[in-house]
Amino acid sequence: MAQVDNKRSIPVWQESILLIVTAMVMAIVVKAFFLQAFYIPSGSMEPGLLINDKILVQKVSYWVGQPHRGDVVVFDDPGGWLPATEQPVTNPVQRALEISE
């Protein structure tokens, strides 16, 4: 005798929306707490980092510790010394995530 599966499934379009929303929430959480991409706009870090380099910064190391000699420190530009035109954002996903900051 065959058993009837009484599991309730959601339509494909609802499942797709749920998947996209879950992925976006996970991406925002990862960017906020674990890993973030940055753009090097000037030559102040040469020869280690060049103009237009892109780096990934992991944030977990500094939850319990302090920066050490040789670490690259990333900070927000509080003084506005870098014009927005020097920070090209060509990726639409990156543009959307910057809006959420």
Protein backbone atom coordinates (compact mmCIF):
# COMPACT_ATOMS: atom_id res chain seq x y z
CA MET A 1 0.00 0.00 0.00
CA ALA A 2 1.46 3.38 -1.01
CA GLN A 3 1.80 6.11 1.57
CA VAL A 4 0.51 9.56 0.80
CA ASP A 5 3.05 12.32 1.45
CA ASN A 6 1.25 15.05 3.36
CA LYS A 7 4.14 17.53 3.24
CA ARG A 8 3.00 20.96 2.19
CA SER A 9 5.24 22.55 -0.43
CA ILE A 10 5.39 26.17 -1.47
CA PRO A 11 5.26 27.30 -5.08
CA VAL A 12 8.53 27.69 -6.97
CA TRP A 13 8.21 31.48 -7.24
CA GLN A 14 7.77 31.84 -3.47
CA GLU A 15 10.70 29.52 -2.84
CA SER A 16 12.83 31.60 -5.23
CA ILE A 17 11.95 34.84 -3.44
CA LEU A 18 12.70 33.23 -0.07
CA LEU A 19 16.06 32.00 -1.38
CA ILE A 20 17.02 35.45 -2.73
CA VAL A 21 16.00 37.22 0.50
CA THR A 22 17.93 34.68 2.60
CA ALA A 23 21.03 35.12 0.42
CA MET A 24 20.85 38.92 0.70
CA VAL A 25 20.47 38.79 4.49
CA MET A 26 23.42 36.40 4.75
CA ALA A 27 25.55 38.68 2.50
CA ILE A 28 24.77 41.71 4.66
CA VAL A 29 25.58 39.82 7.87
CA VAL A 30 28.88 38.57 6.40
CA LYS A 31 29.81 42.08 5.26
CA ALA A 32 28.88 43.66 8.58
CA PHE A 33 30.64 41.20 10.88
CA PHE A 34 33.10 38.94 9.07
CA LEU A 35 34.48 40.01 5.69
CA GLN A 36 34.39 43.19 3.60
CA ALA A 37 35.92 44.34 0.33
CA PHE A 38 37.73 47.67 0.07
CA TYR A 39 39.20 49.75 -2.76
CA ILE A 40 42.64 51.40 -2.46
CA PRO A 41 42.16 54.88 -3.97
CA SER A 42 45.60 56.41 -3.48
CA GLY A 43 49.28 55.53 -3.52
CA SER A 44 49.71 56.00 0.23
CA MET A 45 50.24 52.25 0.77
CA GLU A 46 52.76 51.70 -2.03
CA PRO A 47 54.70 49.47 -2.66
CA GLY A 48 52.57 46.96 -0.69
CA LEU A 49 49.21 48.05 -2.07
CA LEU A 50 48.92 49.86 -5.38
CA ILE A 51 46.41 52.41 -6.63
CA ASN A 52 43.13 50.73 -7.69
CA ASP A 53 43.90 47.52 -5.76
CA LYS A 54 40.99 45.78 -4.10
CA ILE A 55 41.45 43.94 -0.81
CA LEU A 56 39.33 41.72 1.42
CA VAL A 57 39.45 42.52 5.12
CA GLN A 58 38.51 39.88 7.67
CA LYS A 59 37.15 41.43 10.85
CA VAL A 60 37.21 38.44 13.22
CA SER A 61 40.86 38.93 14.29
CA TYR A 62 40.11 42.18 16.08
CA TRP A 63 37.10 41.00 18.08
CA VAL A 64 39.47 40.07 20.91
CA GLY A 65 42.85 41.49 19.86
CA GLN A 66 44.55 44.66 18.71
CA PRO A 67 46.30 45.51 15.41
CA HIS A 68 49.95 44.50 15.23
CA ARG A 69 52.89 46.01 13.41
CA GLY A 70 52.54 45.34 9.66
CA ASP A 71 48.74 44.96 9.69
CA VAL A 72 46.78 46.91 7.10
CA VAL A 73 44.24 49.10 8.89
CA VAL A 74 41.12 50.19 7.01
CA PHE A 75 39.11 53.20 8.19
CA ASP A 76 36.29 55.44 7.06
CA ASP A 77 37.24 58.80 5.60
CA PRO A 78 35.99 61.16 8.34
CA GLY A 79 37.45 64.30 6.78
CA GLY A 80 36.12 63.90 3.26
CA TRP A 81 39.60 64.24 1.72
CA LEU A 82 38.83 61.70 -1.01
CA PRO A 83 36.27 62.82 -3.60
CA ALA A 84 33.54 60.30 -4.40
CA THR A 85 34.58 60.31 -8.07
CA GLU A 86 37.82 58.53 -7.11
CA GLN A 87 35.92 55.57 -5.69
CA PRO A 88 34.46 53.80 -8.71
CA VAL A 89 31.71 51.31 -7.97
CA THR A 90 30.94 49.34 -11.09
CA ASN A 91 29.41 46.25 -9.53
CA PRO A 92 25.61 46.63 -9.06
CA VAL A 93 25.59 44.28 -6.06
CA GLN A 94 28.32 46.33 -4.37
CA ARG A 95 26.38 49.49 -5.15
CA ALA A 96 23.27 48.00 -3.50
CA LEU A 97 25.23 46.94 -0.41
CA GLU A 98 26.78 50.40 -0.06
CA ILE A 99 23.32 51.92 0.00
CA SER A 100 22.47 49.76 3.03
CA GLU A 101 25.39 51.16 5.08
